[in-house]
Amino acid sequence: MTTANLLDFDLEGLAAFCERLGEKRFRATQLFRWIHQRGASDFAQMTDLAKSLREKLAGSAKVEALPVITQQESADGTIKWLFDVGDGNAVEAVFIPEDDRGTLCVSSQAGCAVGCRFCSTGHQGFSRNLSTGEIIAQLWFAEHFLRKHLGRDERVISNVVMMGMGEPLQNYAALVPALRTMLDDNGYGLSRRRVTVSTSGVVPMIDRLGADCPVALAVSLHAPNDALRDDLVPLNRKYPLAELLEACQRYLAHAPRDFITFEYCMLDGVNDQPEHARQLVELVRSQGISCKFNLIPFNPFPASGLLRSPQPRVLAFARLLGEAGIVTTVRKTRGDDIDAACGQLAGDVKDRTRAAERMAQRRTVVLHPARKKPATPTAQEQ
């Protein structure tokens, strides 16, 4: 008999599993709480479950975490874990602590097939999708490790961002049950506003996510026109900007936030000129889309042939967007001393992260509409 990993199930899936064992639905809720709220993996510890159920579970189920290959802690408190997902593949998760939140960046695939020009993962290939259990195992391990590590009884991770290795919307079947577990009050109880899926622009799946499990949406934009985006993000050839922004507009009808976050990796001499900023303003105005921009410093790697934009140019770019009425943030890297910053994950294994753009970052500047000077972001804006 195949032993089921209970991390693979959202609450509905676990209820169906318990029914197959001849148990009532409320037993699934109890079990779900033990696993996700208390971090239990030993059924014998689950003392409010009937002994007969614990015996059934011992013979048919397990709570199996991912083996940790390495753990590194940055001087700024960022913690990076490298997890073994088998067959020589590894993925990473990164915890980013801040005064008002604890954010976990989670991987959805081993490698990435999108092939963005500025992303080292695209240069190193795609291995496979992660299962729901492998996605949730990153959160399960990190949350309960951090409680012990920090000596806290209450929840440590308040935000989850699907911004690690892979394109989440190309692993949709595993992603949605994982999101539902994150959101479930019997699981991690996270707000839809505090769970973010980042995509390079898989238009049909943006629509499906809006219908099935709307959470905050971040879109890796990186260019203000199709010609440049075709070069930087090859997926644009299939789903060009007009289609992508129309999908974003449709998503806002379901989204927990009233804006889409556009992520923009700043590349020296490629997409960072004043005319690019003006084109971005025209692009979002033409679609009438409510949005915010995050400008991300690029972490160079040799195969890209690209360089990071100088900071004065980034700030000037942000100012142009801000003066046009678009709230814009500029981020600085976190955890770069342990290679946990943007584009640095899993650098020593075959399948690196999607060097994408945004990992392990924090806001340093917010340019509000009609303001000339930077302002500190409020909790609601974050």
Protein backbone atom coordinates (compact mmCIF):
# COMPACT_ATOMS: atom_id res chain seq x y z
CA MET A 1 0.00 0.00 0.00
CA THR A 2 1.33 3.46 -0.90
CA THR A 3 2.00 5.69 2.10
CA ALA A 4 0.47 9.13 1.61
CA ASN A 5 2.42 12.24 2.58
CA LEU A 6 -0.18 14.34 4.38
CA LEU A 7 1.63 17.54 3.44
CA ASP A 8 0.28 16.92 -0.08
CA PHE A 9 -3.31 17.58 1.03
CA ASP A 10 -5.23 20.78 1.63
CA LEU A 11 -8.06 20.39 4.14
CA GLU A 12 -10.52 19.12 1.54
CA GLY A 13 -8.00 16.58 0.33
CA LEU A 14 -7.25 15.47 3.87
CA ALA A 15 -10.96 15.10 4.61
CA ALA A 16 -11.33 12.85 1.57
CA PHE A 17 -8.33 10.82 2.72
CA CYS A 18 -9.85 10.40 6.19
CA GLU A 19 -13.15 9.33 4.68
CA ARG A 20 -11.31 6.58 2.80
CA LEU A 21 -10.07 5.44 6.21
CA GLY A 22 -13.67 5.39 7.47
CA GLU A 23 -13.28 8.55 9.57
CA LYS A 24 -15.44 11.66 10.01
CA ARG A 25 -14.51 15.02 8.55
CA PHE A 26 -13.81 16.63 11.95
CA ARG A 27 -10.93 14.16 12.37
CA ALA A 28 -9.31 15.69 9.29
CA THR A 29 -9.57 19.15 10.85
CA GLN A 30 -7.93 17.90 14.05
CA LEU A 31 -5.19 16.21 12.04
CA PHE A 32 -4.66 19.28 9.87
CA ARG A 33 -4.18 21.45 12.98
CA TRP A 34 -1.68 19.03 14.48
CA ILE A 35 0.39 19.02 11.31
CA HIS A 36 0.36 22.67 10.34
CA GLN A 37 -0.32 24.62 13.51
CA ARG A 38 1.71 22.47 15.88
CA GLY A 39 4.27 21.07 13.47
CA ALA A 40 3.67 17.47 14.55
CA SER A 41 4.88 14.60 12.37
CA ASP A 42 4.50 11.72 14.85
CA PHE A 43 0.93 10.46 14.95
CA ALA A 44 1.50 9.10 18.47
CA GLN A 45 1.81 12.72 19.68
CA MET A 46 -1.67 13.58 18.41
CA THR A 47 -3.35 12.72 21.68
CA ASP A 48 -6.88 13.94 20.88
CA LEU A 49 -7.13 11.57 17.94
CA ALA A 50 -8.67 8.18 18.61
CA LYS A 51 -6.10 5.43 19.08
CA SER A 52 -7.72 3.48 16.24
CA LEU A 53 -7.20 6.43 13.87
CA ARG A 54 -3.59 6.86 14.96
CA GLU A 55 -3.01 3.20 14.19
CA LYS A 56 -4.60 3.57 10.75
CA LEU A 57 -2.45 6.62 10.04
CA ALA A 58 0.71 4.85 11.15
CA GLY A 59 0.06 2.20 8.52
CA SER A 60 -1.04 4.40 5.64
CA ALA A 61 0.34 7.93 6.03
CA LYS A 62 3.33 10.04 6.96
CA VAL A 63 4.26 13.69 7.43
CA GLU A 64 7.47 13.89 5.45
CA ALA A 65 9.56 17.04 5.37
CA LEU A 66 12.29 17.77 2.83
CA PRO A 67 15.83 16.89 3.92
CA VAL A 68 17.84 20.04 4.67
CA ILE A 69 21.19 20.05 2.88
CA THR A 70 22.42 23.37 4.24
CA GLN A 71 21.22 26.24 6.38
CA GLN A 72 22.88 29.65 6.37
CA GLU A 73 22.12 32.76 8.40
CA SER A 74 23.02 36.24 7.21
CA ALA A 75 24.31 39.07 9.35
CA ASP A 76 21.00 40.82 8.69
CA GLY A 77 18.97 37.88 10.04
CA THR A 78 18.02 36.39 6.68
CA ILE A 79 18.05 32.57 6.76
CA LYS A 80 18.44 30.39 3.69
CA TRP A 81 17.72 26.67 3.49
CA LEU A 82 18.76 24.34 0.69
CA PHE A 83 16.35 21.38 0.47
CA ASP A 84 16.98 18.06 -1.26
CA VAL A 85 14.13 17.11 -3.61
CA GLY A 86 15.83 14.00 -4.99
CA ASP A 87 17.63 12.93 -8.15
CA GLY A 88 20.37 15.49 -7.63
CA ASN A 89 17.94 18.42 -7.51
CA ALA A 90 17.69 20.99 -4.76
CA VAL A 91 15.51 24.02 -4.08
CA GLU A 92 15.83 26.87 -1.64
CA ALA A 93 13.60 28.86 0.65
CA VAL A 94 14.61 32.14 2.27
CA PHE A 95 13.23 33.77 5.43
CA ILE A 96 13.46 37.56 5.51
CA PRO A 97 12.76 39.11 8.93
CA GLU A 98 11.60 42.70 9.26
CA ASP A 99 10.24 44.73 12.14
CA ASP A 100 6.61 44.33 11.12
CA ARG A 101 6.63 40.97 9.31
CA GLY A 102 8.42 37.74 8.58
CA THR A 103 8.44 36.79 4.91
CA LEU A 104 9.23 33.37 3.47
CA CYS A 105 10.17 33.06 -0.19
CA VAL A 106 9.16 29.63 -1.50
CA SER A 107 10.13 27.66 -4.61
CA SER A 108 7.58 25.96 -6.87
CA GLN A 109 9.84 24.09 -9.34
CA ALA A 110 13.32 22.61 -9.49
CA GLY A 111 14.75 24.87 -12.17
CA CYS A 112 12.68 27.00 -14.52
CA ALA A 113 11.62 26.63 -18.14
CA VAL A 114 10.75 30.26 -18.88
CA GLY A 115 14.31 31.23 -19.79
CA CYS A 116 14.39 34.93 -18.90
CA ARG A 117 17.63 36.46 -20.11
CA PHE A 118 18.54 37.94 -16.71
CA CYS A 119 17.72 34.73 -14.82
CA SER A 120 20.44 32.18 -14.10
CA THR A 121 17.92 29.37 -13.70
CA GLY A 122 16.79 29.81 -17.27
CA HIS A 123 20.39 29.27 -18.33
CA GLN A 124 20.73 26.12 -16.23
CA GLY A 125 17.54 24.34 -17.20
CA PHE A 126 14.35 22.85 -15.82
CA SER A 127 14.14 19.55 -13.93
CA ARG A 128 10.58 19.12 -12.68
CA ASN A 129 7.60 20.55 -10.86
CA LEU A 130 7.45 20.29 -7.09
CA SER A 131 4.53 18.47 -5.51
CA THR A 132 2.10 20.27 -3.20
CA GLY A 133 3.82 18.56 -0.30
CA GLU A 134 7.24 19.79 -1.42
CA ILE A 135 5.94 23.36 -1.68
CA ILE A 136 4.26 23.25 1.72
CA ALA A 137 7.21 21.40 3.31
CA GLN A 138 9.29 24.56 2.88
CA LEU A 139 6.78 26.56 4.92
CA TRP A 140 6.13 23.73 7.40
CA PHE A 141 9.81 23.32 8.18
CA ALA A 142 10.63 27.04 8.27
CA GLU A 143 7.70 28.04 10.50
CA HIS A 144 8.31 25.41 13.15
CA PHE A 145 12.09 25.71 13.03
CA LEU A 146 11.84 29.47 13.50
CA ARG A 147 9.53 29.17 16.49
CA LYS A 148 12.15 27.07 18.27
CA HIS A 149 15.08 29.09 16.93
CA LEU A 150 13.57 32.40 18.06
CA GLY A 151 11.92 31.06 21.20
CA ARG A 152 8.43 32.05 20.14
CA ASP A 153 5.09 30.27 20.55
CA GLU A 154 3.14 32.44 18.12
CA ARG A 155 3.33 32.44 14.33
CA VAL A 156 6.63 33.75 12.93
CA ILE A 157 5.92 33.77 9.17
CA SER A 158 3.29 36.38 8.31
CA ASN A 159 3.89 36.60 4.55
CA VAL A 160 4.64 34.03 1.86
CA VAL A 161 5.90 34.99 -1.59
CA MET A 162 6.04 32.43 -4.39
CA MET A 163 9.20 33.99 -5.79
CA GLY A 164 11.81 31.28 -5.44
CA MET A 165 12.79 28.78 -8.10
CA GLY A 166 10.35 28.27 -10.94
CA GLU A 167 7.27 29.78 -12.55
CA PRO A 168 4.43 29.04 -10.09
CA LEU A 169 1.67 29.21 -12.70
CA GLN A 170 3.36 26.49 -14.75
CA ASN A 171 2.88 24.20 -11.73
CA TYR A 172 -0.74 25.16 -11.16
CA ALA A 173 -2.13 21.79 -10.03
CA ALA A 174 0.31 21.64 -7.11
CA LEU A 175 0.27 25.37 -6.40
CA VAL A 176 -3.41 25.87 -5.64
CA PRO A 177 -3.74 23.22 -2.86
CA ALA A 178 -0.56 24.65 -1.33
CA LEU A 179 -2.04 28.15 -1.36
CA ARG A 180 -5.26 26.87 0.20
CA THR A 181 -3.28 25.27 3.02
CA MET A 182 -1.44 28.56 3.62
CA LEU A 183 -4.75 30.45 3.78
CA ASP A 184 -6.78 27.93 5.81
CA ASP A 185 -7.50 29.03 9.38
CA ASN A 186 -6.85 25.45 10.47
CA GLY A 187 -3.49 25.58 8.69
CA TYR A 188 -1.30 28.70 8.63
CA GLY A 189 -4.13 31.24 8.64
CA LEU A 190 -2.41 33.69 6.31
CA SER A 191 -4.31 36.59 4.78
CA ARG A 192 -4.86 36.55 1.02
CA ARG A 193 -3.19 39.97 1.00
CA ARG A 194 -0.08 38.43 2.52
CA VAL A 195 0.35 35.52 0.11
CA THR A 196 1.80 36.60 -3.23
CA VAL A 197 2.17 34.62 -6.43
CA SER A 198 4.74 36.04 -8.84
CA THR A 199 4.47 35.18 -12.52
CA SER A 200 6.33 36.01 -15.70
CA GLY A 201 2.94 36.28 -17.42
CA VAL A 202 1.17 32.95 -18.02
CA VAL A 203 -2.06 34.63 -19.09
CA PRO A 204 -4.56 31.71 -19.01
CA MET A 205 -3.41 30.68 -15.55
CA ILE A 206 -3.72 34.24 -14.21
CA ASP A 207 -7.39 33.99 -15.10
CA ARG A 208 -7.69 30.57 -13.46
CA LEU A 209 -5.98 31.78 -10.30
CA GLY A 210 -8.41 34.68 -10.09
CA ALA A 211 -11.31 32.23 -10.22
CA ASP A 212 -9.86 29.46 -8.05
CA CYS A 213 -7.73 31.05 -5.34
CA PRO A 214 -7.13 34.80 -5.67
CA VAL A 215 -4.14 36.02 -3.69
CA ALA A 216 -1.88 39.02 -4.20
CA LEU A 217 -0.37 39.03 -7.70
CA ALA A 218 3.07 40.20 -8.77
CA VAL A 219 4.01 40.25 -12.46
CA SER A 220 7.59 40.20 -13.70
CA LEU A 221 7.37 42.93 -16.30
CA HIS A 222 10.95 44.14 -16.93
CA ALA A 223 10.24 45.98 -20.18
CA PRO A 224 7.83 48.66 -21.43
CA ASN A 225 7.36 47.33 -24.98
CA ASP A 226 6.98 44.00 -26.72
CA ALA A 227 10.23 44.15 -28.70
CA LEU A 228 12.36 44.50 -25.57
CA ARG A 229 10.27 42.13 -23.48
CA ASP A 230 10.46 39.47 -26.22
CA ASP A 231 14.23 39.58 -25.74
CA LEU A 232 14.23 39.62 -21.93
CA VAL A 233 11.21 37.39 -21.18
CA PRO A 234 10.67 34.91 -24.06
CA LEU A 235 7.19 34.04 -22.75
CA ASN A 236 6.15 37.46 -24.04
CA ARG A 237 6.19 36.08 -27.58
CA LYS A 238 3.27 33.87 -26.59
CA TYR A 239 1.49 36.31 -24.29
CA PRO A 240 2.40 39.87 -25.35
CA LEU A 241 2.01 42.90 -23.14
CA ALA A 242 -1.50 43.87 -24.22
CA GLU A 243 -2.82 40.38 -23.39
CA LEU A 244 -0.89 40.29 -20.13
CA LEU A 245 -2.18 43.64 -18.92
CA GLU A 246 -5.74 42.74 -19.90
CA ALA A 247 -5.39 39.60 -17.75
CA CYS A 248 -4.09 41.73 -14.88
CA GLN A 249 -7.09 44.01 -15.22
CA ARG A 250 -9.43 41.00 -15.08
CA TYR A 251 -7.58 39.68 -12.03
CA LEU A 252 -8.24 42.89 -10.10
CA ALA A 253 -11.94 42.01 -9.99
CA HIS A 254 -11.04 39.08 -7.72
CA ALA A 255 -7.81 40.19 -6.06
CA PRO A 256 -7.51 40.87 -2.32
CA ARG A 257 -5.55 44.03 -3.13
CA ASP A 258 -6.72 46.82 -5.41
CA PHE A 259 -3.50 46.88 -7.40
CA ILE A 260 -1.10 44.62 -9.28
CA THR A 261 2.59 44.75 -8.38
CA PHE A 262 4.88 44.99 -11.40
CA GLU A 263 8.45 43.89 -10.83
CA TYR A 264 11.13 45.44 -12.94
CA CYS A 265 14.75 44.26 -12.88
CA MET A 266 16.99 47.23 -13.64
CA LEU A 267 19.53 46.38 -16.36
CA ASP A 268 22.27 48.81 -17.26
CA GLY A 269 21.65 50.40 -20.64
CA VAL A 270 18.92 47.91 -21.51
CA ASN A 271 15.66 48.93 -19.82
CA ASP A 272 16.67 51.75 -17.46
CA GLN A 273 16.56 54.88 -19.61
CA PRO A 274 14.15 57.83 -19.14
CA GLU A 275 12.31 56.87 -22.33
CA HIS A 276 11.65 53.41 -20.84
CA ALA A 277 10.11 55.00 -17.76
CA ARG A 278 7.91 57.21 -19.95
CA GLN A 279 6.85 54.18 -22.00
CA LEU A 280 5.89 52.35 -18.80
CA VAL A 281 3.73 55.28 -17.72
CA GLU A 282 1.98 55.27 -21.08
CA LEU A 283 1.58 51.49 -21.01
CA VAL A 284 -0.22 51.34 -17.68
CA ARG A 285 -2.24 54.49 -18.41
CA SER A 286 -3.44 53.07 -21.73
CA GLN A 287 -4.76 50.02 -19.91
CA GLY A 288 -6.08 52.04 -16.96
CA ILE A 289 -4.59 49.49 -14.60
CA SER A 290 -4.09 50.12 -10.89
CA CYS A 291 -0.52 49.12 -10.11
CA LYS A 292 2.65 49.63 -8.13
CA PHE A 293 6.21 49.14 -9.36
CA ASN A 294 9.09 47.44 -7.57
CA LEU A 295 12.46 48.27 -9.11
CA ILE A 296 14.90 45.45 -8.44
CA PRO A 297 18.70 45.55 -8.59
CA PHE A 298 20.13 42.92 -10.91
CA ASN A 299 22.68 40.46 -9.51
CA PRO A 300 24.97 39.77 -12.48
CA PHE A 301 26.09 36.31 -13.55
CA PRO A 302 28.54 35.69 -16.40
CA ALA A 303 26.23 33.98 -18.89
CA SER A 304 23.77 36.88 -18.90
CA GLY A 305 26.00 39.50 -20.48
CA LEU A 306 24.09 42.06 -18.39
CA LEU A 307 25.07 44.56 -15.72
CA ARG A 308 23.28 46.22 -12.81
CA SER A 309 21.97 49.74 -13.37
CA PRO A 310 23.80 52.40 -11.35
CA GLN A 311 21.86 53.49 -8.29
CA PRO A 312 21.47 57.15 -9.38
CA ARG A 313 19.86 55.98 -12.61
CA VAL A 314 17.51 53.67 -10.68
CA LEU A 315 16.43 56.52 -8.43
CA ALA A 316 15.93 58.84 -11.40
CA PHE A 317 13.80 56.13 -13.09
CA ALA A 318 11.74 55.73 -9.91
CA ARG A 319 11.26 59.46 -9.68
CA LEU A 320 9.85 59.64 -13.20
CA LEU A 321 7.31 56.94 -12.38
CA GLY A 322 6.43 58.57 -9.07
CA GLU A 323 5.94 61.98 -10.62
CA ALA A 324 3.53 60.37 -13.09
CA GLY A 325 1.37 59.14 -10.22
CA ILE A 326 2.64 55.57 -9.87
CA VAL A 327 3.73 54.41 -6.42
CA THR A 328 7.22 53.00 -6.94
CA THR A 329 9.58 51.20 -4.60
CA VAL A 330 13.31 50.65 -4.90
CA ARG A 331 14.74 47.69 -3.06
CA LYS A 332 18.08 46.76 -1.65
CA THR A 333 19.26 43.19 -1.38
CA ARG A 334 18.95 41.12 1.76
CA GLY A 335 21.11 38.14 2.62
CA ASP A 336 23.71 38.75 -0.07
CA ASP A 337 26.50 37.62 2.29
CA ILE A 338 24.98 34.10 2.17
CA ASP A 339 24.01 34.25 -1.52
CA ALA A 340 20.35 34.61 -0.61
CA ALA A 341 19.76 37.78 -2.59
CA CYS A 342 18.15 38.14 -5.99
CA GLY A 343 19.48 35.64 -8.47
CA GLN A 344 21.84 33.97 -6.05
CA LEU A 345 19.84 30.99 -4.78
CA ALA A 346 21.14 27.44 -5.17
CA GLY A 347 24.25 28.69 -6.92
CA ASP A 348 26.24 25.57 -6.08
CA VAL A 349 23.78 23.01 -7.39
CA LYS A 350 22.64 22.11 -10.88
CA ASP A 351 19.29 23.88 -10.72
CA ARG A 352 19.60 27.43 -9.54
CA THR A 353 16.70 29.66 -8.74
CA ARG A 354 15.06 31.81 -11.33
CA ALA A 355 17.44 34.59 -10.61
CA ALA A 356 14.51 36.37 -10.86
CA GLU A 357 14.33 39.48 -9.89
CA ARG A 358 13.03 39.83 -6.52
CA MET A 359 14.18 37.42 -3.95
CA ALA A 360 15.20 38.45 -0.49
CA GLN A 361 14.63 42.14 -0.95
CA ARG A 362 13.18 44.97 1.09
CA ARG A 363 11.86 48.39 0.28
CA THR A 364 14.17 51.33 0.83
CA VAL A 365 12.43 54.08 -1.11
CA VAL A 366 8.79 54.69 -1.93
CA LEU A 367 7.96 57.45 -4.37
CA HIS A 368 4.33 58.40 -3.95
CA PRO A 369 2.27 60.17 -6.58
CA ALA A 370 2.85 63.91 -6.61
CA ARG A 371 5.66 63.68 -4.08
CA LYS A 372 9.17 64.74 -4.90
CA LYS A 373 10.84 63.29 -1.80
CA PRO A 374 11.02 59.62 -0.80
CA ALA A 375 8.63 58.54 1.90
CA THR A 376 8.66 55.60 4.24
CA PRO A 377 6.01 53.04 3.24
CA THR A 378 3.09 52.48 5.57
CA ALA A 379 2.09 49.02 6.70
CA GLN A 380 -0.94 49.11 4.40
CA GLU A 381 1.18 50.04 1.39
CA GLN A 382 3.49 47.15 2.14
